[in-house]
Amino acid sequence: MVSLVHTAATGIRDDVVTMFCKRMAAIHKKGRDHLEALREAHRAESERLLGVFGDVLSVVREAMTQP
């Protein structure tokens, strides 16, 4: 009887640990996906700002060349 209880408890612990590991993996994957989305948004915003800065530099260059 004791052996049966011990075996059942061991199986339950294994199942709980497996569920915990799967849940943590899912949370980690969501976090990784969210981080990638934030990086992409930051990259797009940086490229847009660099484009605007290039336009400003072009206008300044044109203004400096005019007498």
Protein backbone atom coordinates (compact mmCIF):
# COMPACT_ATOMS: atom_id res chain seq x y z
CA MET A 1 0.00 0.00 0.00
CA VAL A 2 2.82 2.42 0.91
CA SER A 3 4.55 1.65 -2.36
CA LEU A 4 1.38 2.42 -4.31
CA VAL A 5 0.97 5.79 -2.52
CA HIS A 6 4.63 6.62 -3.11
CA THR A 7 4.36 5.76 -6.81
CA ALA A 8 1.19 7.84 -7.19
CA ALA A 9 2.75 10.81 -5.38
CA THR A 10 5.84 10.60 -7.58
CA GLY A 11 3.69 10.53 -10.71
CA ILE A 12 1.68 13.53 -9.52
CA ARG A 13 4.85 15.51 -8.77
CA ASP A 14 6.19 14.68 -12.21
CA ASP A 15 2.94 15.83 -13.81
CA VAL A 16 2.94 19.08 -11.85
CA VAL A 17 6.54 19.79 -12.81
CA THR A 18 5.78 19.02 -16.46
CA MET A 19 2.78 21.38 -16.42
CA PHE A 20 4.89 24.08 -14.77
CA CYS A 21 7.64 23.72 -17.36
CA LYS A 22 5.14 23.91 -20.23
CA ARG A 23 3.52 27.00 -18.72
CA MET A 24 6.87 28.71 -18.24
CA ALA A 25 7.85 27.87 -21.82
CA ALA A 26 4.59 29.43 -23.07
CA ILE A 27 5.19 32.58 -21.01
CA HIS A 28 8.77 32.76 -22.27
CA LYS A 29 7.63 32.41 -25.89
CA LYS A 30 5.02 35.16 -25.48
CA GLY A 31 7.65 37.41 -23.93
CA ARG A 32 10.09 36.70 -26.74
CA ASP A 33 7.42 37.44 -29.36
CA HIS A 34 6.45 40.67 -27.60
CA LEU A 35 10.09 41.75 -27.38
CA GLU A 36 10.54 41.11 -31.11
CA ALA A 37 7.42 43.20 -31.85
CA LEU A 38 8.81 46.03 -29.72
CA ARG A 39 12.17 45.82 -31.50
CA GLU A 40 10.47 45.95 -34.90
CA ALA A 41 8.39 48.97 -33.86
CA HIS A 42 11.51 50.70 -32.54
CA ARG A 43 13.39 49.91 -35.74
CA ALA A 44 10.57 51.32 -37.88
CA GLU A 45 10.39 54.49 -35.77
CA SER A 46 14.17 54.93 -35.95
CA GLU A 47 14.13 54.56 -39.73
CA ARG A 48 11.29 57.09 -39.99
CA LEU A 49 13.17 59.57 -37.80
CA LEU A 50 16.36 59.12 -39.80
CA GLY A 51 14.40 59.81 -42.98
CA VAL A 52 13.01 63.03 -41.51
CA PHE A 53 16.48 64.02 -40.32
CA GLY A 54 17.82 63.43 -43.84
CA ASP A 55 15.10 65.70 -45.23
CA VAL A 56 16.02 68.41 -42.70
CA LEU A 57 19.69 68.13 -43.66
CA SER A 58 18.77 68.46 -47.35
CA VAL A 59 16.79 71.64 -46.67
CA VAL A 60 19.65 73.07 -44.59
CA ARG A 61 22.17 72.21 -47.33
CA GLU A 62 19.99 73.94 -49.94
CA ALA A 63 19.60 76.99 -47.69
CA MET A 64 23.36 77.19 -47.13
CA THR A 65 24.15 77.08 -50.87
CA GLN A 66 21.76 79.92 -51.74
CA PRO A 67 23.36 83.39 -51.70
